[in-house]
C-alpha atoms as a PDB file:
ATOM      1  CA  MET A   1     -27.571   9.959  13.754  1.00  0.00           C
ATOM      2  CA  ILE A   2     -27.756   6.227  13.053  1.00  0.00           C
ATOM      3  CA  GLU A   3     -30.837   4.906  14.859  1.00  0.00           C
ATOM      4  CA  ASN A   4     -30.168   1.204  14.318  1.00  0.00           C
ATOM      5  CA  PRO A   5     -26.526   0.312  13.488  1.00  0.00           C
ATOM      6  CA  LYS A   6     -27.525  -3.168  12.297  1.00  0.00           C
ATOM      7  CA  ARG A   7     -30.032  -1.880   9.753  1.00  0.00           C
ATOM      8  CA  ARG A   8     -28.899  -1.211   6.199  1.00  0.00           C
ATOM      9  CA  GLY A   9     -29.661   2.197   4.772  1.00  0.00           C
ATOM     10  CA  PRO A  10     -28.794   4.721   2.060  1.00  0.00           C
ATOM     11  CA  CYS A  11     -25.153   5.674   1.453  1.00  0.00           C
ATOM     12  CA  PRO A  12     -24.372   8.967   3.234  1.00  0.00           C
ATOM     13  CA  ILE A  13     -21.355   9.500   0.975  1.00  0.00           C
ATOM     14  CA  GLU A  14     -22.970   9.214  -2.459  1.00  0.00           C
ATOM     15  CA  GLN A  15     -26.519   9.917  -1.217  1.00  0.00           C
ATOM     16  CA  THR A  16     -27.900   6.963  -3.150  1.00  0.00           C
ATOM     17  CA  GLY A  17     -29.577   3.615  -2.562  1.00  0.00           C
ATOM     18  CA  SER A  18     -31.699   2.446   0.335  1.00  0.00           C
ATOM     19  CA  THR A  19     -29.976  -0.687   1.667  1.00  0.00           C
ATOM     20  CA  ARG A  20     -26.361  -0.395   0.501  1.00  0.00           C
ATOM     21  CA  PHE A  21     -24.769   1.095   3.651  1.00  0.00           C
ATOM     22  CA  ARG A  22     -24.216  -0.593   7.028  1.00  0.00           C
ATOM     23  CA  PHE A  23     -22.623   0.927  10.128  1.00  0.00           C
ATOM     24  CA  ASP A  24     -21.177  -2.007  12.139  1.00  0.00           C
ATOM     25  CA  ASN A  25     -18.857  -0.038  14.488  1.00  0.00           C
ATOM     26  CA  LYS A  26     -16.385  -2.892  15.098  1.00  0.00           C
ATOM     27  CA  ASP A  27     -14.237  -2.401  18.207  1.00  0.00           C
ATOM     28  CA  GLY A  28     -15.812   1.023  18.662  1.00  0.00           C
ATOM     29  CA  ARG A  29     -13.883   2.423  15.653  1.00  0.00           C
ATOM     30  CA  GLY A  30     -16.961   3.599  13.757  1.00  0.00           C
ATOM     31  CA  THR A  31     -16.442   1.053  10.982  1.00  0.00           C
ATOM     32  CA  TRP A  32     -18.847   0.833   8.054  1.00  0.00           C
ATOM     33  CA  VAL A  33     -19.383  -1.153   4.882  1.00  0.00           C
ATOM     34  CA  CYS A  34     -21.006   0.002   1.643  1.00  0.00           C
ATOM     35  CA  ASN A  35     -21.088  -0.819  -2.055  1.00  0.00           C
ATOM     36  CA  CYS A  36     -18.737   2.150  -2.579  1.00  0.00           C
ATOM     37  CA  GLY A  37     -16.142   0.936  -0.070  1.00  0.00           C
ATOM     38  CA  ALA A  38     -15.457   0.499   3.639  1.00  0.00           C
ATOM     39  CA  GLY A  39     -13.563   2.222   6.413  1.00  0.00           C
ATOM     40  CA  ASP A  40     -13.671   3.600   9.913  1.00  0.00           C
ATOM     41  CA  GLY A  41     -15.337   6.641  11.463  1.00  0.00           C
ATOM     42  CA  VAL A  42     -12.540   9.036  10.530  1.00  0.00           C
ATOM     43  CA  ARG A  43     -12.721   8.016   6.882  1.00  0.00           C
ATOM     44  CA  LEU A  44     -16.522   8.271   6.843  1.00  0.00           C
ATOM     45  CA  VAL A  45     -16.480  11.835   8.203  1.00  0.00           C
ATOM     46  CA  ALA A  46     -13.803  12.728   5.634  1.00  0.00           C
ATOM     47  CA  LEU A  47     -15.741  11.328   2.673  1.00  0.00           C
ATOM     48  CA  VAL A  48     -19.117  12.766   3.711  1.00  0.00           C
ATOM     49  CA  ASN A  49     -17.660  16.260   4.221  1.00  0.00           C
ATOM     50  CA  GLY A  50     -15.153  16.288   1.361  1.00  0.00           C
ATOM     51  CA  ILE A  51     -12.126  16.757   3.626  1.00  0.00           C
ATOM     52  CA  ASP A  52      -8.933  14.813   4.348  1.00  0.00           C
ATOM     53  CA  ASP A  53      -8.505  12.372   7.255  1.00  0.00           C
ATOM     54  CA  ALA A  54      -6.503  14.786   9.414  1.00  0.00           C
ATOM     55  CA  GLU A  55      -9.244  17.414   9.217  1.00  0.00           C
ATOM     56  CA  ALA A  56     -11.902  14.767   9.916  1.00  0.00           C
ATOM     57  CA  ALA A  57     -10.018  13.681  13.047  1.00  0.00           C
ATOM     58  CA  ARG A  58      -9.841  17.291  14.239  1.00  0.00           C
ATOM     59  CA  ARG A  59     -13.593  17.754  13.790  1.00  0.00           C
ATOM     60  CA  ILE A  60     -14.294  14.530  15.692  1.00  0.00           C
ATOM     61  CA  ARG A  61     -12.098  15.727  18.568  1.00  0.00           C
ATOM     62  CA  GLN A  62     -13.998  19.012  18.603  1.00  0.00           C
ATOM     63  CA  VAL A  63     -17.316  17.176  19.037  1.00  0.00           C
ATOM     64  CA  ILE A  64     -15.943  14.889  21.754  1.00  0.00           C
ATOM     65  CA  HIS A  65     -13.818  17.340  23.727  1.00  0.00           C
ATOM     66  CA  GLY A  66     -15.342  20.694  22.840  1.00  0.00           C
ATOM     67  CA  TYR A  67     -12.158  22.499  21.738  1.00  0.00           C
ATOM     68  CA  PRO A  68     -11.524  24.010  18.295  1.00  0.00           C
ATOM     69  CA  ALA A  69     -11.090  21.332  15.679  1.00  0.00           C
ATOM     70  CA  TYR A  70      -8.408  23.241  13.767  1.00  0.00           C
ATOM     71  CA  ARG A  71      -6.170  26.257  14.128  1.00  0.00           C
ATOM     72  CA  GLN A  72      -6.291  27.340  10.508  1.00  0.00           C
ATOM     73  CA  ALA A  73      -8.599  27.026   7.536  1.00  0.00           C
ATOM     74  CA  PRO A  74      -9.195  23.324   6.811  1.00  0.00           C
ATOM     75  CA  ARG A  75      -7.686  21.772   3.695  1.00  0.00           C
ATOM     76  CA  GLN A  76     -10.315  20.591   1.285  1.00  0.00           C
ATOM     77  CA  PHE A  77     -10.129  17.061  -0.087  1.00  0.00           C
ATOM     78  CA  VAL A  78     -10.920  17.169  -3.797  1.00  0.00           C
ATOM     79  CA  PRO A  79     -11.071  13.733  -5.466  1.00  0.00           C
ATOM     80  CA  ALA A  80      -9.133  13.600  -8.711  1.00  0.00           C
ATOM     81  CA  GLY A  81     -11.351  13.402 -11.756  1.00  0.00           C
ATOM     82  CA  LYS A  82     -10.997  10.834 -14.507  1.00  0.00           C
ATOM     83  CA  LYS A  83      -8.345  11.635 -17.085  1.00  0.00           C
ATOM     84  CA  THR A  84      -9.341  12.474 -20.641  1.00  0.00           C
ATOM     85  CA  PRO A  85      -8.531   9.904 -23.349  1.00  0.00           C
ATOM     86  CA  GLU A  86      -5.781  12.250 -24.571  1.00  0.00           C
ATOM     87  CA  ALA A  87      -4.213  12.490 -21.090  1.00  0.00           C
ATOM     88  CA  ILE A  88      -4.391   8.720 -20.661  1.00  0.00           C
ATOM     89  CA  GLU A  89      -2.676   8.164 -24.016  1.00  0.00           C
ATOM     90  CA  LYS A  90       0.072  10.665 -23.113  1.00  0.00           C
ATOM     91  CA  ALA A  91       0.631   8.947 -19.763  1.00  0.00           C
ATOM     92  CA  ARG A  92       0.677   5.541 -21.433  1.00  0.00           C
ATOM     93  CA  LYS A  93       3.374   6.675 -23.864  1.00  0.00           C
ATOM     94  CA  GLY A  94       5.457   8.012 -20.951  1.00  0.00           C
ATOM     95  CA  LEU A  95       5.244   4.690 -19.144  1.00  0.00           C
ATOM     96  CA  ASP A  96       6.035   2.768 -22.333  1.00  0.00           C
ATOM     97  CA  ARG A  97       9.184   4.857 -22.874  1.00  0.00           C
ATOM     98  CA  VAL A  98      10.486   3.957 -19.430  1.00  0.00           C
ATOM     99  CA  ARG A  99       9.600   0.283 -19.814  1.00  0.00           C
ATOM    100  CA  SER A 100      11.194   0.063 -23.283  1.00  0.00           C
ATOM    101  CA  GLY A 101      14.424   1.487 -21.884  1.00  0.00           C
ATOM    102  CA  SER A 102      14.518  -1.020 -19.011  1.00  0.00           C
ATOM    103  CA  LYS A 103      16.073  -4.494 -18.916  1.00  0.00           C
ATOM    104  CA  PRO A 104      15.568  -7.691 -16.900  1.00  0.00           C
ATOM    105  CA  ILE A 105      17.394  -7.784 -13.573  1.00  0.00           C
ATOM    106  CA  THR A 106      20.351 -10.144 -13.770  1.00  0.00           C
ATOM    107  CA  ALA A 107      23.106 -11.021 -11.331  1.00  0.00           C
ATOM    108  CA  GLU A 108      25.491  -8.524 -12.969  1.00  0.00           C
ATOM    109  CA  THR A 109      23.215  -5.486 -12.744  1.00  0.00           C
ATOM    110  CA  PRO A 110      23.432  -2.755 -10.072  1.00  0.00           C
ATOM    111  CA  ALA A 111      19.763  -3.490  -9.362  1.00  0.00           C
ATOM    112  CA  TRP A 112      20.568  -6.972  -8.061  1.00  0.00           C
ATOM    113  CA  LYS A 113      23.572  -5.678  -6.094  1.00  0.00           C
ATOM    114  CA  TYR A 114      21.247  -3.188  -4.391  1.00  0.00           C
ATOM    115  CA  LEU A 115      18.514  -5.698  -3.605  1.00  0.00           C
ATOM    116  CA  CYS A 116      21.000  -8.217  -2.183  1.00  0.00           C
ATOM    117  CA  LYS A 117      22.288  -5.560   0.191  1.00  0.00           C
ATOM    118  CA  ARG A 118      18.798  -4.427   1.218  1.00  0.00           C
ATOM    119  CA  VAL A 119      17.185  -7.860   1.765  1.00  0.00           C
ATOM    120  CA  ARG A 120      19.289 -10.728   3.082  1.00  0.00           C
ATOM    121  CA  GLY A 121      18.651 -14.196   1.660  1.00  0.00           C
ATOM    122  CA  LEU A 122      16.818 -12.931  -1.420  1.00  0.00           C
ATOM    123  CA  GLU A 123      17.212 -15.064  -4.563  1.00  0.00           C
ATOM    124  CA  LEU A 124      17.156 -13.694  -8.102  1.00  0.00           C
ATOM    125  CA  GLY A 125      14.753 -16.353  -9.384  1.00  0.00           C
ATOM    126  CA  TRP A 126      12.082 -15.236  -6.932  1.00  0.00           C
ATOM    127  CA  LEU A 127      11.668 -11.779  -8.461  1.00  0.00           C
ATOM    128  CA  SER A 128       8.690 -11.213 -10.734  1.00  0.00           C
ATOM    129  CA  LYS A 129       9.030  -9.670 -14.191  1.00  0.00           C
ATOM    130  CA  ALA A 130       7.411  -6.535 -12.772  1.00  0.00           C
ATOM    131  CA  LEU A 131      10.827  -5.612 -11.333  1.00  0.00           C
ATOM    132  CA  ARG A 132      13.321  -4.388 -13.944  1.00  0.00           C
ATOM    133  CA  TYR A 133      16.538  -2.420 -14.266  1.00  0.00           C
ATOM    134  CA  HIS A 134      16.978   0.929 -16.076  1.00  0.00           C
ATOM    135  CA  PRO A 135      20.553   2.061 -16.780  1.00  0.00           C
ATOM    136  CA  HIS A 136      19.867   5.729 -17.562  1.00  0.00           C
ATOM    137  CA  LEU A 137      16.590   7.093 -16.158  1.00  0.00           C
ATOM    138  CA  LYS A 138      15.723  10.755 -15.753  1.00  0.00           C
ATOM    139  CA  HIS A 139      15.579  12.006 -12.146  1.00  0.00           C
ATOM    140  CA  VAL A 140      14.064  15.333 -11.128  1.00  0.00           C
ATOM    141  CA  ASP A 141      14.968  16.268  -7.540  1.00  0.00           C
ATOM    142  CA  GLU A 142      12.076  18.443  -6.329  1.00  0.00           C
ATOM    143  CA  ASP A 143      13.895  19.046  -3.032  1.00  0.00           C
ATOM    144  CA  LEU A 144      16.792  20.672  -4.918  1.00  0.00           C
ATOM    145  CA  GLY A 145      14.813  23.049  -7.084  1.00  0.00           C
ATOM    146  CA  GLY A 146      14.063  20.566  -9.846  1.00  0.00           C
ATOM    147  CA  CYS A 147      17.667  19.526 -10.478  1.00  0.00           C
ATOM    148  CA  VAL A 148      17.719  17.053 -13.413  1.00  0.00           C
ATOM    149  CA  THR A 149      20.156  14.120 -13.655  1.00  0.00           C
ATOM    150  CA  TYR A 150      20.144  10.697 -15.326  1.00  0.00           C
ATOM    151  CA  ARG A 151      20.682   7.726 -13.031  1.00  0.00           C
ATOM    152  CA  THR A 152      20.560   3.962 -12.686  1.00  0.00           C
ATOM    153  CA  ALA A 153      17.220   2.765 -11.290  1.00  0.00           C
ATOM    154  CA  ILE A 154      15.049  -0.184 -10.358  1.00  0.00           C
ATOM    155  CA  VAL A 155      11.681   0.264 -12.064  1.00  0.00           C
ATOM    156  CA  CYS A 156       8.553  -1.653 -11.037  1.00  0.00           C
ATOM    157  CA  ASP A 157       5.188  -1.971 -12.775  1.00  0.00           C
ATOM    158  CA  VAL A 158       2.307  -0.882 -10.555  1.00  0.00           C
ATOM    159  CA  VAL A 159      -0.732  -2.933 -11.536  1.00  0.00           C
ATOM    160  CA  ASP A 160      -4.288  -3.785 -10.655  1.00  0.00           C
ATOM    161  CA  ALA A 161      -3.709  -7.180  -8.989  1.00  0.00           C
ATOM    162  CA  PHE A 162      -7.229  -8.281  -9.911  1.00  0.00           C
ATOM    163  CA  ARG A 163      -6.769  -7.704 -13.645  1.00  0.00           C
ATOM    164  CA  ARG A 164      -2.935  -7.826 -13.874  1.00  0.00           C
ATOM    165  CA  ASP A 165      -2.895  -6.398 -17.420  1.00  0.00           C
ATOM    166  CA  ARG A 166      -3.661  -2.848 -16.282  1.00  0.00           C
ATOM    167  CA  ILE A 167      -0.421  -0.968 -15.506  1.00  0.00           C
ATOM    168  CA  VAL A 168      -1.273   2.420 -14.015  1.00  0.00           C
ATOM    169  CA  THR A 169       2.207   3.784 -13.243  1.00  0.00           C
ATOM    170  CA  ILE A 170       5.834   2.832 -12.522  1.00  0.00           C
ATOM    171  CA  HIS A 171       7.676   2.983  -9.193  1.00  0.00           C
ATOM    172  CA  ARG A 172      11.350   3.995  -9.364  1.00  0.00           C
ATOM    173  CA  THR A 173      14.206   3.396  -6.917  1.00  0.00           C
ATOM    174  CA  TYR A 174      17.292   5.374  -7.900  1.00  0.00           C
ATOM    175  CA  ILE A 175      20.644   3.701  -7.184  1.00  0.00           C
ATOM    176  CA  THR A 176      24.353   3.909  -8.047  1.00  0.00           C
ATOM    177  CA  ALA A 177      26.388   1.612 -10.273  1.00  0.00           C
ATOM    178  CA  ASP A 178      27.688  -0.026  -7.090  1.00  0.00           C
ATOM    179  CA  GLY A 179      24.208  -0.881  -5.847  1.00  0.00           C
ATOM    180  CA  GLU A 180      23.866   1.861  -3.239  1.00  0.00           C
ATOM    181  CA  LYS A 181      21.161   4.511  -2.807  1.00  0.00           C
ATOM    182  CA  ALA A 182      21.594   7.346  -5.287  1.00  0.00           C
ATOM    183  CA  PRO A 183      23.164  10.541  -3.877  1.00  0.00           C
ATOM    184  CA  VAL A 184      20.000  12.615  -4.150  1.00  0.00           C
ATOM    185  CA  SER A 185      17.713  14.108  -1.509  1.00  0.00           C
ATOM    186  CA  ALA A 186      16.636  11.383   0.929  1.00  0.00           C
ATOM    187  CA  LYS A 187      12.945  11.628   0.048  1.00  0.00           C
ATOM    188  CA  GLN A 188      13.717  11.598  -3.685  1.00  0.00           C
ATOM    189  CA  VAL A 189      15.370   8.142  -3.865  1.00  0.00           C
ATOM    190  CA  LYS A 190      12.053   6.306  -4.263  1.00  0.00           C
ATOM    191  CA  LYS A 191       9.357   7.869  -6.419  1.00  0.00           C
ATOM    192  CA  VAL A 192       6.218   6.943  -8.334  1.00  0.00           C
ATOM    193  CA  MET A 193       6.182   8.377 -11.846  1.00  0.00           C
ATOM    194  CA  THR A 194       4.115  11.503 -12.279  1.00  0.00           C
ATOM    195  CA  ALA A 195       2.876   9.977 -15.552  1.00  0.00           C
ATOM    196  CA  THR A 196      -0.092   7.852 -14.504  1.00  0.00           C
ATOM    197  CA  VAL A 197      -2.907   6.285 -16.467  1.00  0.00           C
ATOM    198  CA  ASP A 198      -5.220   6.830 -13.499  1.00  0.00           C
ATOM    199  CA  LYS A 199      -5.051   7.907  -9.869  1.00  0.00           C
ATOM    200  CA  LEU A 200      -3.396   5.254  -7.704  1.00  0.00           C
ATOM    201  CA  CYS A 201      -6.188   3.483  -5.806  1.00  0.00           C
ATOM    202  CA  GLY A 202      -5.362  -0.030  -4.668  1.00  0.00           C
ATOM    203  CA  GLU A 203      -2.854  -0.924  -7.390  1.00  0.00           C
ATOM    204  CA  VAL A 204       0.313  -2.704  -6.255  1.00  0.00           C
ATOM    205  CA  ILE A 205       3.666  -4.189  -7.274  1.00  0.00           C
ATOM    206  CA  ALA A 206       3.536  -7.966  -7.690  1.00  0.00           C
ATOM    207  CA  VAL A 207       7.030  -8.580  -6.341  1.00  0.00           C
ATOM    208  CA  ASN A 208       7.522 -12.351  -6.671  1.00  0.00           C
ATOM    209  CA  THR A 209       6.767 -15.386  -8.821  1.00  0.00           C
ATOM    210  CA  ALA A 210       4.672 -17.435  -6.383  1.00  0.00           C
ATOM    211  CA  GLY A 211       0.950 -17.834  -7.055  1.00  0.00           C
ATOM    212  CA  THR A 212      -1.139 -18.876  -4.043  1.00  0.00           C
ATOM    213  CA  LYS A 213      -4.618 -18.400  -2.621  1.00  0.00           C
ATOM    214  CA  PHE A 214      -3.030 -16.897   0.482  1.00  0.00           C
ATOM    215  CA  VAL A 215      -1.429 -13.497  -0.183  1.00  0.00           C
ATOM    216  CA  ILE A 216       0.759 -11.186   1.859  1.00  0.00           C
ATOM    217  CA  ILE A 217       0.681  -7.428   1.345  1.00  0.00           C
ATOM    218  CA  ALA A 218       3.255  -5.043   2.815  1.00  0.00           C
ATOM    219  CA  GLU A 219       3.609  -1.311   2.374  1.00  0.00           C
ATOM    220  CA  GLY A 220       7.104  -0.809   0.922  1.00  0.00           C
ATOM    221  CA  LEU A 221       8.948  -2.693  -1.816  1.00  0.00           C
ATOM    222  CA  GLU A 222      11.776  -3.831   0.447  1.00  0.00           C
ATOM    223  CA  ALA A 223       9.392  -4.861   3.233  1.00  0.00           C
ATOM    224  CA  ALA A 224       7.506  -6.999   0.709  1.00  0.00           C
ATOM    225  CA  LEU A 225      10.740  -8.567  -0.542  1.00  0.00           C
ATOM    226  CA  ALA A 226      11.692  -9.352   3.065  1.00  0.00           C
ATOM    227  CA  TRP A 227       8.510 -11.458   3.290  1.00  0.00           C
ATOM    228  CA  VAL A 228       9.487 -13.226   0.040  1.00  0.00           C
ATOM    229  CA  ALA A 229      12.920 -14.080   1.463  1.00  0.00           C
ATOM    230  CA  ALA A 230      11.553 -15.045   4.883  1.00  0.00           C
ATOM    231  CA  THR A 231       8.976 -17.426   3.394  1.00  0.00           C
ATOM    232  CA  GLN A 232      11.302 -18.744   0.653  1.00  0.00           C
ATOM    233  CA  ASN A 233       8.949 -17.532  -2.098  1.00  0.00           C
ATOM    234  CA  ARG A 234       6.164 -19.851  -0.968  1.00  0.00           C
ATOM    235  CA  TYR A 235       3.382 -17.240  -1.082  1.00  0.00           C
ATOM    236  CA  THR A 236       2.175 -14.425  -3.316  1.00  0.00           C
ATOM    237  CA  VAL A 237       3.481 -11.084  -2.030  1.00  0.00           C
ATOM    238  CA  PHE A 238       2.541  -7.530  -3.021  1.00  0.00           C
ATOM    239  CA  ALA A 239       3.929  -4.076  -2.202  1.00  0.00           C
ATOM    240  CA  ALA A 240       1.303  -1.351  -1.780  1.00  0.00           C
ATOM    241  CA  LEU A 241       3.682   1.684  -1.816  1.00  0.00           C
ATOM    242  CA  ASN A 242       1.736   3.654   0.803  1.00  0.00           C
ATOM    243  CA  CYS A 243      -0.673   2.915   3.617  1.00  0.00           C
ATOM    244  CA  PHE A 244      -3.823   4.500   2.154  1.00  0.00           C
ATOM    245  CA  ASN A 245      -3.270   2.661  -1.113  1.00  0.00           C
ATOM    246  CA  MET A 246      -2.924  -0.554   0.905  1.00  0.00           C
ATOM    247  CA  SER A 247      -6.386  -0.007   2.378  1.00  0.00           C
ATOM    248  CA  GLN A 248      -7.841   0.051  -1.157  1.00  0.00           C
ATOM    249  CA  PHE A 249      -6.013  -3.095  -2.361  1.00  0.00           C
ATOM    250  CA  GLN A 250      -7.937  -5.157  -4.923  1.00  0.00           C
ATOM    251  CA  TRP A 251      -6.743  -8.718  -4.300  1.00  0.00           C
ATOM    252  CA  PRO A 252      -6.471 -11.248  -7.148  1.00  0.00           C
ATOM    253  CA  GLY A 253      -9.424 -13.444  -8.042  1.00  0.00           C
ATOM    254  CA  GLY A 254      -9.360 -16.726  -6.148  1.00  0.00           C
ATOM    255  CA  THR A 255      -7.723 -15.231  -3.051  1.00  0.00           C
ATOM    256  CA  GLU A 256      -8.949 -16.927   0.126  1.00  0.00           C
ATOM    257  CA  ALA A 257      -6.796 -15.358   2.866  1.00  0.00           C
ATOM    258  CA  ILE A 258      -4.751 -12.191   3.331  1.00  0.00           C
ATOM    259  CA  LEU A 259      -2.011 -11.241   5.777  1.00  0.00           C
ATOM    260  CA  VAL A 260      -1.699  -7.457   6.076  1.00  0.00           C
ATOM    261  CA  ALA A 261       1.896  -6.719   7.129  1.00  0.00           C
ATOM    262  CA  ALA A 262       1.349  -3.153   8.312  1.00  0.00           C
ATOM    263  CA  ASP A 263       4.006  -0.594   9.190  1.00  0.00           C
ATOM    264  CA  ASN A 264       4.034   0.501  12.842  1.00  0.00           C
ATOM    265  CA  ASP A 265       4.017   4.257  12.315  1.00  0.00           C
ATOM    266  CA  PRO A 266       4.154   6.753  15.194  1.00  0.00           C
ATOM    267  CA  PRO A 267       0.905   8.705  15.745  1.00  0.00           C
ATOM    268  CA  ASN A 268       0.328  11.559  13.345  1.00  0.00           C
ATOM    269  CA  PRO A 269       0.934  14.713  15.452  1.00  0.00           C
ATOM    270  CA  ARG A 270      -2.143  16.420  14.031  1.00  0.00           C
ATOM    271  CA  SER A 271      -4.691  13.616  13.881  1.00  0.00           C
ATOM    272  CA  GLY A 272      -3.324  11.194  16.483  1.00  0.00           C
ATOM    273  CA  VAL A 273      -3.825   8.357  13.973  1.00  0.00           C
ATOM    274  CA  CYS A 274      -1.172   5.622  13.566  1.00  0.00           C
ATOM    275  CA  THR A 275      -1.598   5.526   9.801  1.00  0.00           C
ATOM    276  CA  GLY A 276       0.009   2.167   9.002  1.00  0.00           C
ATOM    277  CA  GLN A 277      -2.189   0.211  11.401  1.00  0.00           C
ATOM    278  CA  HIS A 278      -5.191   2.457  10.761  1.00  0.00           C
ATOM    279  CA  TYR A 279      -5.281   1.725   7.036  1.00  0.00           C
ATOM    280  CA  GLY A 280      -4.118  -1.865   7.496  1.00  0.00           C
ATOM    281  CA  ALA A 281      -7.188  -2.465   9.667  1.00  0.00           C
ATOM    282  CA  ILE A 282      -9.413  -1.035   6.931  1.00  0.00           C
ATOM    283  CA  LEU A 283      -8.044  -3.576   4.443  1.00  0.00           C
ATOM    284  CA  LYS A 284      -8.419  -6.411   6.932  1.00  0.00           C
ATOM    285  CA  ASP A 285     -12.053  -5.484   7.585  1.00  0.00           C
ATOM    286  CA  ARG A 286     -12.778  -5.185   3.857  1.00  0.00           C
ATOM    287  CA  ALA A 287     -11.360  -8.644   3.250  1.00  0.00           C
ATOM    288  CA  ILE A 288     -13.351 -10.215   6.091  1.00  0.00           C
ATOM    289  CA  GLU A 289     -16.527  -8.507   4.900  1.00  0.00           C
ATOM    290  CA  ALA A 290     -15.886 -10.017   1.444  1.00  0.00           C
ATOM    291  CA  GLY A 291     -15.707 -13.496   2.970  1.00  0.00           C
ATOM    292  CA  LEU A 292     -11.915 -13.905   3.092  1.00  0.00           C
ATOM    293  CA  ARG A 293      -9.867 -14.901   6.116  1.00  0.00           C
ATOM    294  CA  ALA A 294      -7.660 -11.967   7.060  1.00  0.00           C
ATOM    295  CA  ARG A 295      -5.308 -10.826   9.751  1.00  0.00           C
ATOM    296  CA  MET A 296      -3.300  -7.657  10.306  1.00  0.00           C
ATOM    297  CA  LEU A 297       0.238  -8.101  11.635  1.00  0.00           C
ATOM    298  CA  PRO A 298       1.927  -4.778  12.446  1.00  0.00           C
ATOM    299  CA  SER A 299       5.644  -4.492  12.968  1.00  0.00           C
ATOM    300  CA  PRO A 300       6.244  -4.853  16.749  1.00  0.00           C
ATOM    301  CA  VAL A 301       8.501  -1.796  16.980  1.00  0.00           C
ATOM    302  CA  VAL A 302       7.402   1.761  16.193  1.00  0.00           C
ATOM    303  CA  GLY A 303       9.233   3.101  13.159  1.00  0.00           C
ATOM    304  CA  VAL A 304      10.908  -0.236  12.309  1.00  0.00           C
ATOM    305  CA  ASP A 305       9.811  -1.848   9.043  1.00  0.00           C
ATOM    306  CA  PHE A 306       9.683  -5.573   8.277  1.00  0.00           C
ATOM    307  CA  ASP A 307      12.795  -5.423   6.091  1.00  0.00           C
ATOM    308  CA  ASP A 308      14.736  -4.021   9.064  1.00  0.00           C
ATOM    309  CA  LEU A 309      13.420  -6.827  11.290  1.00  0.00           C
ATOM    310  CA  TRP A 310      14.343  -9.475   8.741  1.00  0.00           C
ATOM    311  CA  ASN A 311      17.825  -8.093   8.164  1.00  0.00           C
ATOM    312  CA  GLU A 312      18.403  -7.950  11.934  1.00  0.00           C
ATOM    313  CA  GLY A 313      17.644 -11.684  12.155  1.00  0.00           C
ATOM    314  CA  ASN A 314      14.200 -11.424  13.784  1.00  0.00           C
ATOM    315  CA  THR A 315      12.810 -14.543  12.106  1.00  0.00           C
ATOM    316  CA  GLU A 316      10.105 -15.107  14.723  1.00  0.00           C
ATOM    317  CA  MET A 317       7.940 -12.348  13.242  1.00  0.00           C
ATOM    318  CA  PHE A 318       7.832 -14.211   9.912  1.00  0.00           C
ATOM    319  CA  ASP A 319       6.798 -17.633  11.282  1.00  0.00           C
ATOM    320  CA  LEU A 320       3.342 -17.727   9.707  1.00  0.00           C
ATOM    321  CA  ARG A 321       2.254 -21.108  11.012  1.00  0.00           C
ATOM    322  CA  ARG A 322       3.180 -20.225  14.590  1.00  0.00           C
ATOM    323  CA  LEU A 323       1.330 -16.926  14.286  1.00  0.00           C
ATOM    324  CA  ALA A 324      -1.770 -18.592  12.860  1.00  0.00           C
ATOM    325  CA  MET A 325      -1.907 -21.246  15.572  1.00  0.00           C
ATOM    326  CA  ALA A 326      -1.295 -18.716  18.337  1.00  0.00           C
ATOM    327  CA  SER A 327      -4.187 -16.489  17.295  1.00  0.00           C
ATOM    328  CA  ASN A 328      -7.912 -16.922  17.778  1.00  0.00           C
ATOM    329  CA  GLU A 329      -8.281 -14.919  14.583  1.00  0.00           C
ATOM    330  CA  HIS A 330      -6.835 -17.735  12.468  1.00  0.00           C
ATOM    331  CA  CYS A 331      -6.037 -16.354   9.045  1.00  0.00           C
ATOM    332  CA  GLY A 332      -6.005 -19.704   7.291  1.00  0.00           C
ATOM    333  CA  VAL A 333      -2.287 -19.937   6.583  1.00  0.00           C
ATOM    334  CA  ALA A 334      -1.962 -23.640   7.234  1.00  0.00           C
ATOM    335  CA  SER A 335      -5.024 -24.670   5.247  1.00  0.00           C
ATOM    336  CA  VAL A 336      -4.920 -22.150   2.393  1.00  0.00           C
ATOM    337  CA  ALA A 337      -1.302 -21.361   1.635  1.00  0.00           C
END
């Protein structure tokens, strides 16, 4: 029980401190802010009880509606521990092997053929050096019993955007020599390497060459590149790879405003949570709490990503100045970008 939501108190997650935690309950979503992070009520229940978000949502529904919170034994959320120095060195060598076998993306490579087909109006000179081309990369298809092949791929450095020099893993998009999706299981085309220096927690792909105080973050690589094409590479754009990782994004130093381009996911059938907007709102609130101007802009159509909108010619969604002027929650595009 929180007697006075405005009063700061000890952290219920780490059980430390006396004034580090504040329960502000914005928009009735149970939001909170602490030295260890920020989130909404679902995330708080999950972290306090050591469970995942779906189980937390079930327990909340049980309290509110009085019916069983789950039909089977709950899954336990066990945070990954820090890797040993030996494991970190092994992971680093695995990443270095992939990077050493990759090449810059040029107009003749299958990587550029693929990206041109996936994002209309994209220009080669806008791509950051984090995006590269690998002509012969190992692929393990877990959906086909671990079938191993060697395929062409786009490989992207996943970095801490605040430090930039800290590469934690590599994201891979497997393609054909003609620039099409590789003929593997649908969910196995795009994969983060299992070799990681540390657990992914807010690290991103810096997709373009622009450097501005206003940044845009989208979930997927192609959605982020759609924002680069739509804005003609005027602003810094990042790809977060998944929605929870987006919520933990560590923006670069000097950032003054953030646009969170969230996926419009359908509600999770178990938790009822629309994950893209749910975690996008967490990032927006974190940024505002840190003193930045921030706005969340979800895709207007459920299940349709920003790259689909851009390729269909829906340019209105990408008109940042119109969006900023039309909103009371001005995100500072005109003055900061």
